[in-house]
N, C-alpha and C. Protein backbone atom coordinates (compact mmCIF):
# COMPACT_ATOMS: atom_id res chain seq x y z
N MET A 1 282.22 33.68 -47.25
CA MET A 1 282.62 32.38 -47.71
C MET A 1 281.44 31.43 -47.75
N ALA A 2 280.37 31.79 -47.13
CA ALA A 2 279.21 30.90 -47.13
C ALA A 2 278.30 31.23 -48.30
N GLY A 3 277.42 30.32 -48.63
CA GLY A 3 276.48 30.55 -49.71
C GLY A 3 275.21 31.19 -49.20
N GLN A 4 274.15 30.98 -49.91
CA GLN A 4 272.86 31.53 -49.52
C GLN A 4 272.13 30.54 -48.62
N MET A 5 271.45 31.05 -47.62
CA MET A 5 270.61 30.20 -46.77
C MET A 5 269.16 30.44 -47.15
N LEU A 6 268.40 29.40 -47.21
CA LEU A 6 266.98 29.53 -47.52
C LEU A 6 266.19 29.44 -46.23
N TYR A 7 265.24 30.33 -46.07
CA TYR A 7 264.37 30.32 -44.90
C TYR A 7 262.96 29.99 -45.35
N ILE A 8 262.48 28.85 -44.94
CA ILE A 8 261.14 28.43 -45.34
C ILE A 8 260.38 28.06 -44.08
N LYS A 9 259.23 28.67 -43.89
CA LYS A 9 258.39 28.28 -42.77
C LYS A 9 257.68 26.99 -43.14
N LYS A 10 257.72 26.02 -42.24
CA LYS A 10 257.10 24.74 -42.52
C LYS A 10 255.97 24.47 -41.53
N LYS A 11 254.99 23.78 -42.01
CA LYS A 11 253.87 23.38 -41.16
C LYS A 11 253.62 21.91 -41.46
N ASP A 12 253.72 21.09 -40.45
CA ASP A 12 253.52 19.65 -40.61
C ASP A 12 254.44 19.07 -41.67
N GLY A 13 255.69 19.57 -41.75
CA GLY A 13 256.67 19.02 -42.66
C GLY A 13 256.53 19.47 -44.11
N GLU A 14 255.57 20.32 -44.44
CA GLU A 14 255.40 20.77 -45.82
C GLU A 14 255.67 22.27 -45.90
N ALA A 15 256.28 22.70 -47.00
CA ALA A 15 256.55 24.12 -47.20
C ALA A 15 255.23 24.87 -47.33
N GLN A 16 255.15 26.03 -46.71
CA GLN A 16 253.92 26.83 -46.78
C GLN A 16 253.83 27.63 -48.06
N MET A 17 254.97 27.85 -48.74
CA MET A 17 254.92 28.62 -49.98
C MET A 17 255.51 27.78 -51.10
N PRO A 18 255.05 28.02 -52.33
CA PRO A 18 255.61 27.27 -53.46
C PRO A 18 257.10 27.54 -53.61
N MET A 19 257.86 26.59 -54.17
CA MET A 19 259.31 26.71 -54.29
C MET A 19 259.73 27.96 -55.07
N ASP A 20 258.95 28.41 -56.03
CA ASP A 20 259.33 29.60 -56.80
C ASP A 20 259.13 30.89 -56.01
N LYS A 21 258.54 30.79 -54.82
CA LYS A 21 258.31 31.98 -53.98
C LYS A 21 259.23 32.00 -52.76
N ILE A 22 260.19 31.06 -52.70
CA ILE A 22 261.08 31.00 -51.54
C ILE A 22 261.95 32.25 -51.49
N ILE A 23 262.09 32.80 -50.31
CA ILE A 23 262.90 33.99 -50.11
C ILE A 23 264.26 33.56 -49.59
N SER A 24 265.30 34.01 -50.24
CA SER A 24 266.63 33.68 -49.75
C SER A 24 267.18 34.90 -49.02
N LYS A 25 268.00 34.64 -48.03
CA LYS A 25 268.58 35.71 -47.24
C LYS A 25 270.10 35.65 -47.39
N ASP A 26 270.72 36.81 -47.54
CA ASP A 26 272.17 36.88 -47.71
C ASP A 26 272.86 36.27 -46.49
N ASN A 27 273.82 35.37 -46.73
CA ASN A 27 274.53 34.72 -45.64
C ASN A 27 276.04 34.94 -45.73
N GLU A 28 276.49 35.85 -46.58
CA GLU A 28 277.91 36.17 -46.68
C GLU A 28 278.12 37.55 -46.09
N TYR A 29 279.02 37.61 -45.11
CA TYR A 29 279.30 38.89 -44.47
C TYR A 29 280.80 39.12 -44.44
N TYR A 30 281.22 40.33 -44.80
CA TYR A 30 282.63 40.66 -44.93
C TYR A 30 283.00 41.78 -43.97
N THR A 31 284.28 41.80 -43.60
CA THR A 31 284.80 42.84 -42.72
C THR A 31 284.79 44.18 -43.45
N PRO A 32 284.25 45.22 -42.84
CA PRO A 32 284.32 46.54 -43.47
C PRO A 32 285.78 47.00 -43.58
N LYS A 33 286.09 47.74 -44.62
CA LYS A 33 287.47 48.16 -44.89
C LYS A 33 288.05 48.99 -43.74
N TYR A 34 287.26 49.83 -43.11
CA TYR A 34 287.79 50.67 -42.03
C TYR A 34 288.32 49.83 -40.87
N VAL A 35 287.76 48.63 -40.66
CA VAL A 35 288.23 47.76 -39.57
C VAL A 35 289.62 47.23 -39.91
N VAL A 36 289.78 46.71 -41.10
CA VAL A 36 291.08 46.18 -41.51
C VAL A 36 292.12 47.30 -41.58
N ASP A 37 291.72 48.47 -42.09
CA ASP A 37 292.64 49.61 -42.19
C ASP A 37 293.15 50.05 -40.82
N TYR A 38 292.36 49.84 -39.78
CA TYR A 38 292.79 50.18 -38.43
C TYR A 38 294.05 49.40 -38.06
N PHE A 39 294.07 48.14 -38.43
CA PHE A 39 295.20 47.28 -38.09
C PHE A 39 296.30 47.29 -39.14
N TYR A 40 295.92 47.46 -40.38
CA TYR A 40 296.88 47.47 -41.49
C TYR A 40 296.63 48.70 -42.36
N PRO A 41 297.00 49.91 -41.89
CA PRO A 41 296.74 51.11 -42.70
C PRO A 41 297.48 51.10 -44.04
N GLU A 42 298.60 50.40 -44.12
CA GLU A 42 299.37 50.34 -45.36
C GLU A 42 299.03 49.08 -46.17
N GLY A 43 298.05 48.31 -45.74
CA GLY A 43 297.66 47.10 -46.45
C GLY A 43 298.33 45.86 -45.89
N PHE A 44 297.94 44.71 -46.39
CA PHE A 44 298.49 43.44 -45.94
C PHE A 44 298.75 42.55 -47.15
N ASP A 45 299.51 41.48 -46.92
CA ASP A 45 299.98 40.63 -48.01
C ASP A 45 299.00 39.53 -48.43
N TYR A 46 298.26 38.99 -47.44
CA TYR A 46 297.55 37.75 -47.72
C TYR A 46 296.28 37.63 -46.89
N ASP A 47 295.23 37.12 -47.53
CA ASP A 47 293.98 36.78 -46.86
C ASP A 47 293.59 35.38 -47.32
N PRO A 48 293.61 34.40 -46.44
CA PRO A 48 293.30 33.03 -46.85
C PRO A 48 291.81 32.72 -46.93
N ALA A 49 290.95 33.68 -46.62
CA ALA A 49 289.51 33.40 -46.58
C ALA A 49 288.72 34.61 -47.07
N THR A 50 288.74 34.85 -48.36
CA THR A 50 288.03 36.00 -48.89
C THR A 50 287.39 35.64 -50.23
N CYS A 51 286.93 36.65 -50.93
CA CYS A 51 286.41 36.46 -52.28
C CYS A 51 287.17 37.42 -53.19
N GLU A 52 287.10 37.21 -54.47
CA GLU A 52 287.87 38.01 -55.42
C GLU A 52 287.52 39.50 -55.31
N GLY A 53 286.24 39.82 -55.18
CA GLY A 53 285.81 41.21 -55.10
C GLY A 53 286.40 41.94 -53.91
N LYS A 54 286.39 41.32 -52.74
CA LYS A 54 286.95 41.93 -51.54
C LYS A 54 288.47 42.04 -51.64
N ALA A 55 289.11 41.04 -52.24
CA ALA A 55 290.57 41.09 -52.41
C ALA A 55 290.95 42.29 -53.27
N LYS A 56 290.17 42.54 -54.31
CA LYS A 56 290.44 43.70 -55.17
C LYS A 56 290.19 45.01 -54.42
N GLU A 57 289.08 45.07 -53.68
CA GLU A 57 288.77 46.28 -52.91
C GLU A 57 289.88 46.60 -51.90
N PHE A 58 290.41 45.58 -51.24
CA PHE A 58 291.44 45.77 -50.22
C PHE A 58 292.84 45.80 -50.83
N GLU A 59 292.93 45.59 -52.15
CA GLU A 59 294.21 45.57 -52.85
C GLU A 59 295.18 44.56 -52.24
N VAL A 60 294.67 43.36 -51.97
CA VAL A 60 295.46 42.28 -51.39
C VAL A 60 296.17 41.55 -52.54
N PRO A 61 297.50 41.53 -52.51
CA PRO A 61 298.20 40.88 -53.62
C PRO A 61 298.03 39.36 -53.67
N TYR A 62 297.87 38.73 -52.51
CA TYR A 62 297.73 37.27 -52.45
C TYR A 62 296.52 36.92 -51.59
N TYR A 63 295.69 36.04 -52.10
CA TYR A 63 294.50 35.65 -51.36
C TYR A 63 294.02 34.28 -51.83
N ASP A 64 293.19 33.69 -51.00
CA ASP A 64 292.53 32.44 -51.37
C ASP A 64 291.04 32.59 -51.11
N THR A 65 290.29 31.84 -51.88
CA THR A 65 288.83 31.84 -51.79
C THR A 65 288.37 30.44 -51.37
N ILE A 66 287.09 30.27 -51.27
CA ILE A 66 286.57 28.94 -50.92
C ILE A 66 286.99 27.92 -51.98
N GLU A 67 287.11 28.35 -53.22
CA GLU A 67 287.50 27.44 -54.30
C GLU A 67 288.98 27.05 -54.22
N THR A 68 289.85 27.99 -53.82
CA THR A 68 291.29 27.68 -53.77
C THR A 68 291.74 27.20 -52.39
N ASP A 69 290.85 27.19 -51.41
CA ASP A 69 291.05 26.60 -50.09
C ASP A 69 292.31 27.09 -49.37
N GLY A 70 292.18 28.21 -48.70
CA GLY A 70 293.28 28.80 -47.95
C GLY A 70 293.88 27.88 -46.92
N LEU A 71 293.11 26.96 -46.38
CA LEU A 71 293.65 26.03 -45.38
C LEU A 71 294.67 25.07 -45.99
N ALA A 72 294.60 24.84 -47.27
CA ALA A 72 295.53 23.91 -47.94
C ALA A 72 296.79 24.61 -48.43
N GLN A 73 296.91 25.93 -48.22
CA GLN A 73 298.04 26.70 -48.75
C GLN A 73 299.11 26.91 -47.69
N ASP A 74 300.30 27.31 -48.14
CA ASP A 74 301.42 27.65 -47.26
C ASP A 74 301.34 29.13 -46.91
N TRP A 75 301.15 29.45 -45.64
CA TRP A 75 301.05 30.84 -45.20
C TRP A 75 302.40 31.41 -44.75
N THR A 76 303.40 30.58 -44.61
CA THR A 76 304.67 31.04 -44.04
C THR A 76 305.40 32.05 -44.93
N LYS A 77 305.06 32.14 -46.19
CA LYS A 77 305.75 33.06 -47.10
C LYS A 77 305.21 34.49 -47.05
N TYR A 78 304.20 34.74 -46.23
CA TYR A 78 303.60 36.07 -46.15
C TYR A 78 303.96 36.74 -44.82
N ASP A 79 304.18 38.06 -44.87
CA ASP A 79 304.55 38.81 -43.66
C ASP A 79 303.34 39.31 -42.88
N LYS A 80 302.31 39.76 -43.61
CA LYS A 80 301.15 40.39 -42.96
C LYS A 80 299.88 39.69 -43.44
N ILE A 81 299.20 39.05 -42.51
CA ILE A 81 298.02 38.25 -42.86
C ILE A 81 296.80 38.77 -42.09
N TRP A 82 295.68 38.87 -42.79
CA TRP A 82 294.38 39.21 -42.18
C TRP A 82 293.45 38.03 -42.41
N ILE A 83 292.73 37.62 -41.35
CA ILE A 83 291.80 36.49 -41.49
C ILE A 83 290.47 36.82 -40.81
N ASN A 84 289.41 36.78 -41.59
CA ASN A 84 288.06 36.76 -41.07
C ASN A 84 287.50 35.41 -41.54
N PRO A 85 287.72 34.37 -40.73
CA PRO A 85 287.39 33.02 -41.20
C PRO A 85 285.89 32.78 -41.28
N PRO A 86 285.49 31.85 -42.14
CA PRO A 86 284.08 31.45 -42.12
C PRO A 86 283.79 30.85 -40.73
N PHE A 87 282.65 31.18 -40.16
CA PHE A 87 282.35 30.75 -38.80
C PHE A 87 282.38 29.23 -38.64
N THR A 88 282.06 28.51 -39.70
CA THR A 88 282.05 27.06 -39.60
C THR A 88 283.45 26.47 -39.58
N LYS A 89 284.47 27.28 -39.89
CA LYS A 89 285.85 26.77 -39.91
C LYS A 89 286.78 27.65 -39.09
N LYS A 90 286.26 28.38 -38.12
CA LYS A 90 287.10 29.31 -37.36
C LYS A 90 288.22 28.60 -36.60
N TYR A 91 287.94 27.44 -36.04
CA TYR A 91 288.97 26.70 -35.31
C TYR A 91 290.09 26.29 -36.26
N GLU A 92 289.75 25.74 -37.43
CA GLU A 92 290.75 25.29 -38.38
C GLU A 92 291.64 26.43 -38.86
N PHE A 93 291.04 27.60 -39.10
CA PHE A 93 291.83 28.75 -39.55
C PHE A 93 292.73 29.26 -38.42
N LEU A 94 292.23 29.30 -37.19
CA LEU A 94 293.09 29.74 -36.09
C LEU A 94 294.21 28.74 -35.85
N LYS A 95 293.91 27.47 -35.93
CA LYS A 95 294.95 26.45 -35.74
C LYS A 95 296.08 26.64 -36.76
N LYS A 96 295.72 26.84 -38.01
CA LYS A 96 296.72 27.06 -39.07
C LYS A 96 297.47 28.36 -38.82
N ALA A 97 296.78 29.41 -38.36
CA ALA A 97 297.44 30.68 -38.06
C ALA A 97 298.46 30.51 -36.93
N VAL A 98 298.10 29.77 -35.89
CA VAL A 98 299.02 29.54 -34.77
C VAL A 98 300.23 28.74 -35.24
N GLU A 99 300.00 27.70 -36.03
CA GLU A 99 301.11 26.91 -36.57
C GLU A 99 302.04 27.79 -37.41
N THR A 100 301.46 28.65 -38.24
CA THR A 100 302.25 29.55 -39.08
C THR A 100 303.04 30.53 -38.24
N TYR A 101 302.39 31.13 -37.24
CA TYR A 101 303.07 32.10 -36.38
C TYR A 101 304.23 31.44 -35.63
N ASN A 102 304.03 30.24 -35.16
CA ASN A 102 305.09 29.55 -34.41
C ASN A 102 306.31 29.27 -35.27
N ILE A 103 306.13 29.17 -36.57
CA ILE A 103 307.26 28.95 -37.49
C ILE A 103 307.93 30.26 -37.88
N THR A 104 307.13 31.28 -38.25
CA THR A 104 307.68 32.49 -38.87
C THR A 104 307.60 33.76 -38.03
N HIS A 105 306.77 33.78 -37.02
CA HIS A 105 306.52 34.99 -36.21
C HIS A 105 306.11 36.17 -37.08
N ASN A 106 305.29 35.89 -38.09
CA ASN A 106 304.77 36.96 -38.94
C ASN A 106 303.61 37.65 -38.23
N THR A 107 303.11 38.72 -38.82
CA THR A 107 302.01 39.48 -38.22
C THR A 107 300.69 38.90 -38.72
N ILE A 108 299.91 38.34 -37.80
CA ILE A 108 298.64 37.71 -38.16
C ILE A 108 297.53 38.25 -37.26
N TYR A 109 296.52 38.85 -37.89
CA TYR A 109 295.32 39.28 -37.18
C TYR A 109 294.16 38.36 -37.58
N VAL A 110 293.35 37.98 -36.59
CA VAL A 110 292.20 37.11 -36.84
C VAL A 110 290.99 37.73 -36.15
N LEU A 111 289.89 37.84 -36.89
CA LEU A 111 288.64 38.37 -36.35
C LEU A 111 287.74 37.20 -35.98
N PHE A 112 287.17 37.24 -34.77
CA PHE A 112 286.32 36.15 -34.28
C PHE A 112 285.10 36.68 -33.55
N PRO A 113 284.05 35.86 -33.47
CA PRO A 113 282.96 36.19 -32.54
C PRO A 113 283.50 36.03 -31.12
N THR A 114 283.10 36.91 -30.24
CA THR A 114 283.60 36.92 -28.87
C THR A 114 283.46 35.58 -28.17
N GLU A 115 282.36 34.91 -28.35
CA GLU A 115 282.12 33.67 -27.61
C GLU A 115 283.11 32.56 -27.97
N PHE A 116 283.77 32.65 -29.13
CA PHE A 116 284.74 31.62 -29.50
C PHE A 116 285.91 31.57 -28.51
N LEU A 117 286.22 32.71 -27.88
CA LEU A 117 287.32 32.77 -26.93
C LEU A 117 287.06 31.95 -25.68
N THR A 118 285.82 31.60 -25.44
CA THR A 118 285.48 30.83 -24.23
C THR A 118 285.36 29.33 -24.50
N THR A 119 285.63 28.90 -25.71
CA THR A 119 285.47 27.48 -26.05
C THR A 119 286.71 26.68 -25.69
N ALA A 120 286.51 25.40 -25.45
CA ALA A 120 287.63 24.50 -25.18
C ALA A 120 288.58 24.44 -26.37
N LYS A 121 288.03 24.46 -27.59
CA LYS A 121 288.88 24.40 -28.78
C LYS A 121 289.86 25.57 -28.83
N PHE A 122 289.39 26.76 -28.48
CA PHE A 122 290.29 27.91 -28.48
C PHE A 122 291.41 27.71 -27.46
N HIS A 123 291.06 27.25 -26.27
CA HIS A 123 292.04 27.08 -25.20
C HIS A 123 293.00 25.93 -25.47
N GLU A 124 292.56 24.92 -26.19
CA GLU A 124 293.43 23.79 -26.54
C GLU A 124 294.59 24.21 -27.43
N LEU A 125 294.45 25.29 -28.17
CA LEU A 125 295.51 25.75 -29.07
C LEU A 125 296.67 26.40 -28.33
N HIS A 126 296.45 26.83 -27.10
CA HIS A 126 297.49 27.48 -26.29
C HIS A 126 298.15 28.62 -27.06
N CYS A 127 297.34 29.38 -27.77
CA CYS A 127 297.92 30.49 -28.53
C CYS A 127 298.00 31.72 -27.64
N HIS A 128 299.07 32.45 -27.82
CA HIS A 128 299.23 33.72 -27.12
C HIS A 128 298.84 34.81 -28.11
N CYS A 129 298.18 35.85 -27.59
CA CYS A 129 297.73 36.89 -28.50
C CYS A 129 297.51 38.20 -27.78
N LYS A 130 297.48 39.24 -28.59
CA LYS A 130 297.01 40.53 -28.12
C LYS A 130 295.55 40.57 -28.53
N LEU A 131 294.68 40.77 -27.59
CA LEU A 131 293.24 40.76 -27.82
C LEU A 131 292.75 42.20 -27.94
N PHE A 132 292.15 42.53 -29.06
CA PHE A 132 291.59 43.85 -29.28
C PHE A 132 290.08 43.75 -29.12
N ILE A 133 289.55 44.51 -28.17
CA ILE A 133 288.11 44.48 -27.89
C ILE A 133 287.50 45.80 -28.35
N PRO A 134 286.69 45.74 -29.42
CA PRO A 134 286.08 46.97 -29.92
C PRO A 134 284.94 47.45 -29.02
N LYS A 135 284.79 48.76 -28.98
CA LYS A 135 283.65 49.36 -28.29
C LYS A 135 282.45 49.23 -29.24
N GLY A 136 281.49 48.44 -28.87
CA GLY A 136 280.33 48.21 -29.73
C GLY A 136 280.58 47.07 -30.70
N ARG A 137 279.59 46.78 -31.50
CA ARG A 137 279.67 45.68 -32.44
C ARG A 137 280.06 46.17 -33.83
N ILE A 138 280.71 45.29 -34.56
CA ILE A 138 281.11 45.61 -35.93
C ILE A 138 279.95 45.27 -36.86
N ASN A 139 279.53 46.24 -37.66
CA ASN A 139 278.50 46.00 -38.66
C ASN A 139 279.16 45.51 -39.94
N PHE A 140 279.08 44.22 -40.16
CA PHE A 140 279.71 43.63 -41.34
C PHE A 140 278.95 44.01 -42.60
N GLU A 141 279.63 43.92 -43.74
CA GLU A 141 278.99 44.19 -45.02
C GLU A 141 278.44 42.88 -45.57
N SER A 142 277.26 42.95 -46.10
CA SER A 142 276.65 41.73 -46.62
C SER A 142 277.24 41.40 -47.99
N GLY A 143 277.07 40.18 -48.39
CA GLY A 143 277.51 39.75 -49.71
C GLY A 143 276.76 40.47 -50.82
N LEU A 144 275.67 41.13 -50.46
CA LEU A 144 274.89 41.88 -51.43
C LEU A 144 275.37 43.33 -51.53
N GLY A 145 276.46 43.66 -50.80
CA GLY A 145 277.06 44.98 -50.92
C GLY A 145 276.52 46.05 -50.00
N LYS A 146 275.68 45.69 -49.06
CA LYS A 146 275.15 46.71 -48.15
C LYS A 146 275.66 46.45 -46.74
N GLU A 147 275.67 47.50 -45.93
CA GLU A 147 276.11 47.35 -44.55
C GLU A 147 275.07 46.56 -43.79
N GLY A 148 275.54 45.59 -43.04
CA GLY A 148 274.63 44.78 -42.25
C GLY A 148 274.16 45.53 -41.02
N LYS A 149 273.12 45.03 -40.43
CA LYS A 149 272.64 45.59 -39.17
C LYS A 149 273.54 45.07 -38.06
N SER A 150 273.40 45.65 -36.88
CA SER A 150 274.20 45.22 -35.75
C SER A 150 273.98 43.73 -35.52
N PRO A 151 275.04 42.93 -35.55
CA PRO A 151 274.86 41.49 -35.38
C PRO A 151 274.44 41.14 -33.95
N ALA A 152 273.98 39.92 -33.78
CA ALA A 152 273.52 39.46 -32.48
C ALA A 152 274.69 39.05 -31.58
N PHE A 153 275.91 39.20 -32.07
CA PHE A 153 277.08 38.79 -31.30
C PHE A 153 278.17 39.85 -31.43
N GLY A 154 279.05 39.89 -30.45
CA GLY A 154 280.19 40.80 -30.51
C GLY A 154 281.36 40.12 -31.20
N SER A 155 282.31 40.92 -31.64
CA SER A 155 283.51 40.41 -32.30
C SER A 155 284.74 40.95 -31.61
N VAL A 156 285.83 40.19 -31.72
CA VAL A 156 287.13 40.63 -31.25
C VAL A 156 288.14 40.36 -32.36
N VAL A 157 289.25 41.06 -32.28
CA VAL A 157 290.36 40.80 -33.19
C VAL A 157 291.53 40.38 -32.33
N ILE A 158 292.19 39.30 -32.74
CA ILE A 158 293.39 38.89 -32.02
C ILE A 158 294.60 39.04 -32.96
N LYS A 159 295.70 39.43 -32.36
CA LYS A 159 296.98 39.46 -33.07
C LYS A 159 297.85 38.42 -32.39
N LEU A 160 298.25 37.41 -33.13
CA LEU A 160 299.10 36.38 -32.54
C LEU A 160 300.38 37.03 -32.04
N ALA A 161 300.83 36.59 -30.85
CA ALA A 161 301.96 37.23 -30.20
C ALA A 161 302.67 36.22 -29.30
N ASP A 162 303.76 36.66 -28.68
CA ASP A 162 304.50 35.80 -27.76
C ASP A 162 303.97 35.91 -26.34
N GLU A 163 303.25 36.99 -26.05
CA GLU A 163 302.67 37.20 -24.73
C GLU A 163 301.23 37.66 -24.88
N ASP A 164 300.44 37.43 -23.85
CA ASP A 164 299.03 37.83 -23.87
C ASP A 164 298.87 39.26 -23.38
N SER A 165 297.98 40.01 -24.02
CA SER A 165 297.62 41.35 -23.57
C SER A 165 296.25 41.70 -24.14
N ILE A 166 295.67 42.76 -23.61
CA ILE A 166 294.34 43.20 -24.04
C ILE A 166 294.38 44.70 -24.31
N GLU A 167 293.66 45.11 -25.34
CA GLU A 167 293.55 46.53 -25.66
C GLU A 167 292.12 46.84 -26.08
N TYR A 168 291.55 47.89 -25.51
CA TYR A 168 290.22 48.33 -25.90
C TYR A 168 290.37 49.35 -27.03
N ILE A 169 289.55 49.21 -28.06
CA ILE A 169 289.65 50.12 -29.20
C ILE A 169 288.26 50.66 -29.57
N ASP A 170 288.23 51.81 -30.21
CA ASP A 170 286.97 52.43 -30.61
C ASP A 170 286.94 52.55 -32.14
N LEU A 171 286.44 51.54 -32.80
CA LEU A 171 286.38 51.53 -34.27
C LEU A 171 285.28 52.45 -34.78
N LYS A 172 284.26 52.69 -34.01
CA LYS A 172 283.17 53.58 -34.44
C LYS A 172 283.72 54.98 -34.65
N ASN A 173 284.59 55.41 -33.75
CA ASN A 173 285.24 56.71 -33.87
C ASN A 173 286.05 56.79 -35.15
N VAL A 174 286.76 55.73 -35.45
CA VAL A 174 287.58 55.69 -36.66
C VAL A 174 286.70 55.82 -37.88
N LYS A 175 285.59 55.09 -37.92
CA LYS A 175 284.69 55.12 -39.07
C LYS A 175 284.12 56.53 -39.27
N GLN A 176 283.68 57.16 -38.17
CA GLN A 176 283.11 58.50 -38.28
C GLN A 176 284.16 59.50 -38.77
N ASN A 177 285.37 59.44 -38.24
CA ASN A 177 286.44 60.34 -38.66
C ASN A 177 286.80 60.10 -40.12
N GLU A 178 286.83 58.85 -40.53
CA GLU A 178 287.18 58.51 -41.89
C GLU A 178 286.16 59.09 -42.87
N VAL A 179 284.89 58.98 -42.53
CA VAL A 179 283.84 59.48 -43.41
C VAL A 179 283.87 61.00 -43.46
N LYS A 180 284.10 61.65 -42.33
CA LYS A 180 284.07 63.11 -42.29
C LYS A 180 285.28 63.75 -42.97
N THR A 181 286.47 63.21 -42.72
CA THR A 181 287.67 63.88 -43.20
C THR A 181 288.26 63.26 -44.46
N GLU A 182 287.95 62.01 -44.74
CA GLU A 182 288.52 61.30 -45.89
C GLU A 182 290.04 61.26 -45.84
N GLU A 183 290.63 61.43 -44.65
CA GLU A 183 292.08 61.39 -44.49
C GLU A 183 292.44 60.24 -43.57
N LYS A 184 293.73 59.89 -43.57
CA LYS A 184 294.21 58.89 -42.62
C LYS A 184 294.06 59.47 -41.22
N VAL A 185 293.56 58.69 -40.32
CA VAL A 185 293.33 59.12 -38.96
C VAL A 185 294.27 58.36 -38.04
N SER A 186 294.90 59.06 -37.11
CA SER A 186 295.71 58.33 -36.14
C SER A 186 294.75 57.60 -35.21
N HIS A 187 295.17 56.46 -34.75
CA HIS A 187 294.30 55.61 -33.95
C HIS A 187 294.83 55.50 -32.54
N PRO A 188 294.39 56.38 -31.64
CA PRO A 188 294.86 56.26 -30.27
C PRO A 188 294.41 54.94 -29.68
N LYS A 189 295.30 54.25 -29.02
CA LYS A 189 294.98 52.94 -28.44
C LYS A 189 295.10 53.03 -26.94
N LYS A 190 294.21 52.36 -26.25
CA LYS A 190 294.17 52.41 -24.81
C LYS A 190 294.44 51.03 -24.27
N SER A 191 295.36 50.91 -23.39
CA SER A 191 295.67 49.62 -22.78
C SER A 191 294.62 49.29 -21.74
N TRP A 192 294.34 48.03 -21.56
CA TRP A 192 293.30 47.60 -20.60
C TRP A 192 293.68 47.90 -19.18
N TYR A 193 294.94 48.00 -18.86
CA TYR A 193 295.34 48.20 -17.47
C TYR A 193 295.59 49.66 -17.12
N MET A 194 295.28 50.57 -18.02
CA MET A 194 295.49 51.99 -17.73
C MET A 194 294.21 52.62 -17.24
């Protein structure tokens, strides 16, 4: 959902390279399909924060982009929602997800950087959720279509719920099995208290 970021080394307030030589770095990162398929193997109805290309790849019938502003839309009409919010609006997207869940009790998964769970804003929402903690970090796909390197932060997926719980999951195993067999793989889940 973000645009391109420009990285320019400056010395004494002046650019070191001419403007036509500026190097831009990809700043759009998307959830790999195997991650979403783990939670929604049969697909989902709506993604309020995606781009047209990813919506087509995931075969999402209803979606919003930065241009159509998912935060301004009614989410209550959808049963299964996946959200990988832009990091600059993660609180706003979670707030809307919690409001929607409290009205409809639909199935909503939200992917976040781990550190967001420790913020006051997260705790102010008083949302109950099932917290899925992946083994290792998720390598997001760049807006340029290539797999990103291991990010500098961990990610978690939450499923809004009526009670809190935690589950450890191994998405790396799923990805390897998916690539090797090209078949649907059952996803054994391990509870945190077992």
